[in-house]
Amino acid sequence: MGWPQTIAIVAAILISVIGAVLYNNRRLDDLRNDINARFADFNSRFAEVHEDLREIRSMLNELLRTRAEH
């Protein structure tokens, strides 16, 4: 096996590795977008629960004020 064959094999391997890295990077971007969407959904739900708890706290404060006045 001569140098031209060795160079051809090494070049084919390098091209394959570069292609695999680029494909894997694209898949990681898809995964990152999916995870970001899940966190955004969780944050919106958490904000809704936080608002509900704030409303319950204000209702309890009103109830305690009315009971304290009587």
N, C-alpha and C. Protein backbone atom coordinates (compact mmCIF):
# COMPACT_ATOMS: atom_id res chain seq x y z
N MET A 1 0.87 -1.16 0.00
CA MET A 1 0.00 0.00 0.00
C MET A 1 0.92 1.23 0.00
N GLY A 2 0.64 2.12 -0.92
CA GLY A 2 1.47 3.30 -1.06
C GLY A 2 0.86 4.50 -0.36
N TRP A 3 1.58 5.61 -0.46
CA TRP A 3 1.13 6.85 0.18
C TRP A 3 -0.19 7.37 -0.40
N PRO A 4 -0.43 7.28 -1.68
CA PRO A 4 -1.72 7.77 -2.17
C PRO A 4 -2.92 7.02 -1.59
N GLN A 5 -2.77 5.71 -1.41
CA GLN A 5 -3.86 4.94 -0.80
C GLN A 5 -4.03 5.31 0.67
N THR A 6 -2.96 5.50 1.38
CA THR A 6 -3.01 5.88 2.79
C THR A 6 -3.67 7.25 2.95
N ILE A 7 -3.29 8.17 2.11
CA ILE A 7 -3.89 9.51 2.17
C ILE A 7 -5.37 9.45 1.84
N ALA A 8 -5.76 8.62 0.88
CA ALA A 8 -7.17 8.48 0.52
C ALA A 8 -7.98 7.89 1.68
N ILE A 9 -7.42 6.90 2.37
CA ILE A 9 -8.11 6.30 3.52
C ILE A 9 -8.24 7.30 4.65
N VAL A 10 -7.17 8.01 4.97
CA VAL A 10 -7.20 9.01 6.04
C VAL A 10 -8.19 10.13 5.70
N ALA A 11 -8.20 10.58 4.46
CA ALA A 11 -9.14 11.63 4.05
C ALA A 11 -10.58 11.16 4.17
N ALA A 12 -10.85 9.90 3.79
CA ALA A 12 -12.21 9.36 3.92
C ALA A 12 -12.64 9.29 5.37
N ILE A 13 -11.72 8.87 6.23
CA ILE A 13 -12.03 8.79 7.66
C ILE A 13 -12.28 10.19 8.22
N LEU A 14 -11.45 11.16 7.88
CA LEU A 14 -11.65 12.53 8.37
C LEU A 14 -12.98 13.11 7.90
N ILE A 15 -13.33 12.87 6.64
CA ILE A 15 -14.60 13.37 6.13
C ILE A 15 -15.76 12.72 6.87
N SER A 16 -15.65 11.42 7.16
CA SER A 16 -16.70 10.72 7.90
C SER A 16 -16.83 11.26 9.31
N VAL A 17 -15.71 11.49 9.96
CA VAL A 17 -15.75 12.01 11.34
C VAL A 17 -16.34 13.42 11.36
N ILE A 18 -15.94 14.26 10.43
CA ILE A 18 -16.48 15.63 10.38
C ILE A 18 -17.98 15.59 10.11
N GLY A 19 -18.41 14.73 9.21
CA GLY A 19 -19.85 14.60 8.95
C GLY A 19 -20.61 14.12 10.16
N ALA A 20 -20.06 13.16 10.90
CA ALA A 20 -20.72 12.65 12.10
C ALA A 20 -20.81 13.72 13.18
N VAL A 21 -19.74 14.51 13.33
CA VAL A 21 -19.75 15.58 14.34
C VAL A 21 -20.80 16.62 13.99
N LEU A 22 -20.89 17.00 12.73
CA LEU A 22 -21.88 18.00 12.33
C LEU A 22 -23.30 17.47 12.51
N TYR A 23 -23.54 16.20 12.18
CA TYR A 23 -24.87 15.61 12.36
C TYR A 23 -25.22 15.54 13.84
N ASN A 24 -24.27 15.13 14.67
CA ASN A 24 -24.51 15.04 16.10
C ASN A 24 -24.77 16.42 16.69
N ASN A 25 -24.07 17.43 16.22
CA ASN A 25 -24.28 18.79 16.70
C ASN A 25 -25.70 19.26 16.38
N ARG A 26 -26.18 18.89 15.21
CA ARG A 26 -27.55 19.27 14.83
C ARG A 26 -28.56 18.59 15.74
N ARG A 27 -28.31 17.33 16.09
CA ARG A 27 -29.20 16.61 16.99
C ARG A 27 -29.17 17.23 18.39
N LEU A 28 -27.99 17.68 18.81
CA LEU A 28 -27.90 18.33 20.12
C LEU A 28 -28.67 19.65 20.13
N ASP A 29 -28.67 20.36 19.02
CA ASP A 29 -29.45 21.59 18.92
C ASP A 29 -30.94 21.28 19.04
N ASP A 30 -31.39 20.20 18.41
CA ASP A 30 -32.79 19.80 18.54
C ASP A 30 -33.13 19.46 19.98
N LEU A 31 -32.23 18.74 20.64
CA LEU A 31 -32.44 18.38 22.04
C LEU A 31 -32.48 19.62 22.91
N ARG A 32 -31.58 20.57 22.66
CA ARG A 32 -31.54 21.81 23.44
C ARG A 32 -32.85 22.59 23.26
N ASN A 33 -33.36 22.65 22.04
CA ASN A 33 -34.61 23.36 21.80
C ASN A 33 -35.77 22.69 22.53
N ASP A 34 -35.77 21.36 22.54
CA ASP A 34 -36.82 20.62 23.24
C ASP A 34 -36.76 20.88 24.74
N ILE A 35 -35.57 20.86 25.29
CA ILE A 35 -35.42 21.10 26.73
C ILE A 35 -35.81 22.53 27.08
N ASN A 36 -35.43 23.49 26.25
CA ASN A 36 -35.82 24.88 26.50
C ASN A 36 -37.33 25.05 26.46
N ALA A 37 -38.00 24.35 25.55
CA ALA A 37 -39.46 24.43 25.48
C ALA A 37 -40.09 23.83 26.74
N ARG A 38 -39.52 22.75 27.22
CA ARG A 38 -40.06 22.14 28.45
C ARG A 38 -39.87 23.06 29.65
N PHE A 39 -38.70 23.70 29.74
CA PHE A 39 -38.48 24.62 30.85
C PHE A 39 -39.41 25.84 30.75
N ALA A 40 -39.65 26.31 29.56
CA ALA A 40 -40.56 27.44 29.39
C ALA A 40 -41.97 27.06 29.82
N ASP A 41 -42.40 25.85 29.47
CA ASP A 41 -43.71 25.37 29.89
C ASP A 41 -43.78 25.25 31.41
N PHE A 42 -42.73 24.70 32.00
CA PHE A 42 -42.69 24.57 33.45
C PHE A 42 -42.72 25.95 34.12
N ASN A 43 -41.97 26.90 33.59
CA ASN A 43 -41.95 28.24 34.18
C ASN A 43 -43.31 28.91 34.09
N SER A 44 -44.03 28.71 32.98
CA SER A 44 -45.35 29.32 32.87
C SER A 44 -46.32 28.68 33.85
N ARG A 45 -46.23 27.37 34.02
CA ARG A 45 -47.10 26.71 35.00
C ARG A 45 -46.74 27.13 36.41
N PHE A 46 -45.46 27.26 36.67
CA PHE A 46 -45.03 27.70 37.99
C PHE A 46 -45.54 29.10 38.28
N ALA A 47 -45.53 29.97 37.28
CA ALA A 47 -46.04 31.33 37.45
C ALA A 47 -47.55 31.31 37.74
N GLU A 48 -48.28 30.40 37.08
CA GLU A 48 -49.71 30.29 37.34
C GLU A 48 -49.97 29.83 38.78
N VAL A 49 -49.22 28.84 39.23
CA VAL A 49 -49.37 28.36 40.61
C VAL A 49 -49.01 29.46 41.59
N HIS A 50 -47.96 30.18 41.29
CA HIS A 50 -47.54 31.28 42.17
C HIS A 50 -48.64 32.34 42.26
N GLU A 51 -49.27 32.65 41.15
CA GLU A 51 -50.36 33.63 41.16
C GLU A 51 -51.56 33.10 41.95
N ASP A 52 -51.87 31.82 41.79
CA ASP A 52 -52.96 31.22 42.56
C ASP A 52 -52.67 31.29 44.05
N LEU A 53 -51.44 30.99 44.43
CA LEU A 53 -51.08 31.06 45.85
C LEU A 53 -51.15 32.49 46.37
N ARG A 54 -50.80 33.45 45.56
CA ARG A 54 -50.89 34.84 45.96
C ARG A 54 -52.36 35.23 46.19
N GLU A 55 -53.27 34.76 45.33
CA GLU A 55 -54.69 35.04 45.51
C GLU A 55 -55.23 34.38 46.78
N ILE A 56 -54.81 33.14 47.03
CA ILE A 56 -55.26 32.44 48.24
C ILE A 56 -54.75 33.17 49.48
N ARG A 57 -53.52 33.64 49.43
CA ARG A 57 -52.97 34.37 50.57
C ARG A 57 -53.74 35.66 50.83
N SER A 58 -54.09 36.35 49.77
CA SER A 58 -54.85 37.59 49.97
C SER A 58 -56.24 37.30 50.50
N MET A 59 -56.86 36.21 50.06
CA MET A 59 -58.18 35.84 50.60
C MET A 59 -58.07 35.47 52.08
N LEU A 60 -57.02 34.75 52.45
CA LEU A 60 -56.84 34.40 53.85
C LEU A 60 -56.58 35.64 54.70
N ASN A 61 -55.82 36.58 54.16
CA ASN A 61 -55.60 37.83 54.89
C ASN A 61 -56.90 38.58 55.11
N GLU A 62 -57.75 38.64 54.10
CA GLU A 62 -59.06 39.29 54.25
C GLU A 62 -59.91 38.57 55.28
N LEU A 63 -59.90 37.24 55.23
CA LEU A 63 -60.67 36.47 56.20
C LEU A 63 -60.18 36.71 57.61
N LEU A 64 -58.88 36.74 57.80
CA LEU A 64 -58.33 37.00 59.14
C LEU A 64 -58.64 38.42 59.60
N ARG A 65 -58.62 39.38 58.70
CA ARG A 65 -58.96 40.76 59.08
C ARG A 65 -60.41 40.85 59.53
N THR A 66 -61.30 40.22 58.78
CA THR A 66 -62.72 40.30 59.15
C THR A 66 -62.97 39.60 60.48
N ARG A 67 -62.29 38.47 60.72
CA ARG A 67 -62.47 37.78 62.00
C ARG A 67 -61.86 38.56 63.14
N ALA A 68 -60.76 39.25 62.87
CA ALA A 68 -60.10 40.02 63.93
C ALA A 68 -60.95 41.23 64.31
N GLU A 69 -61.72 41.77 63.35
CA GLU A 69 -62.57 42.92 63.65
C GLU A 69 -63.76 42.52 64.52
N HIS A 70 -64.20 41.29 64.43
CA HIS A 70 -65.37 40.86 65.22
C HIS A 70 -64.95 40.32 66.51
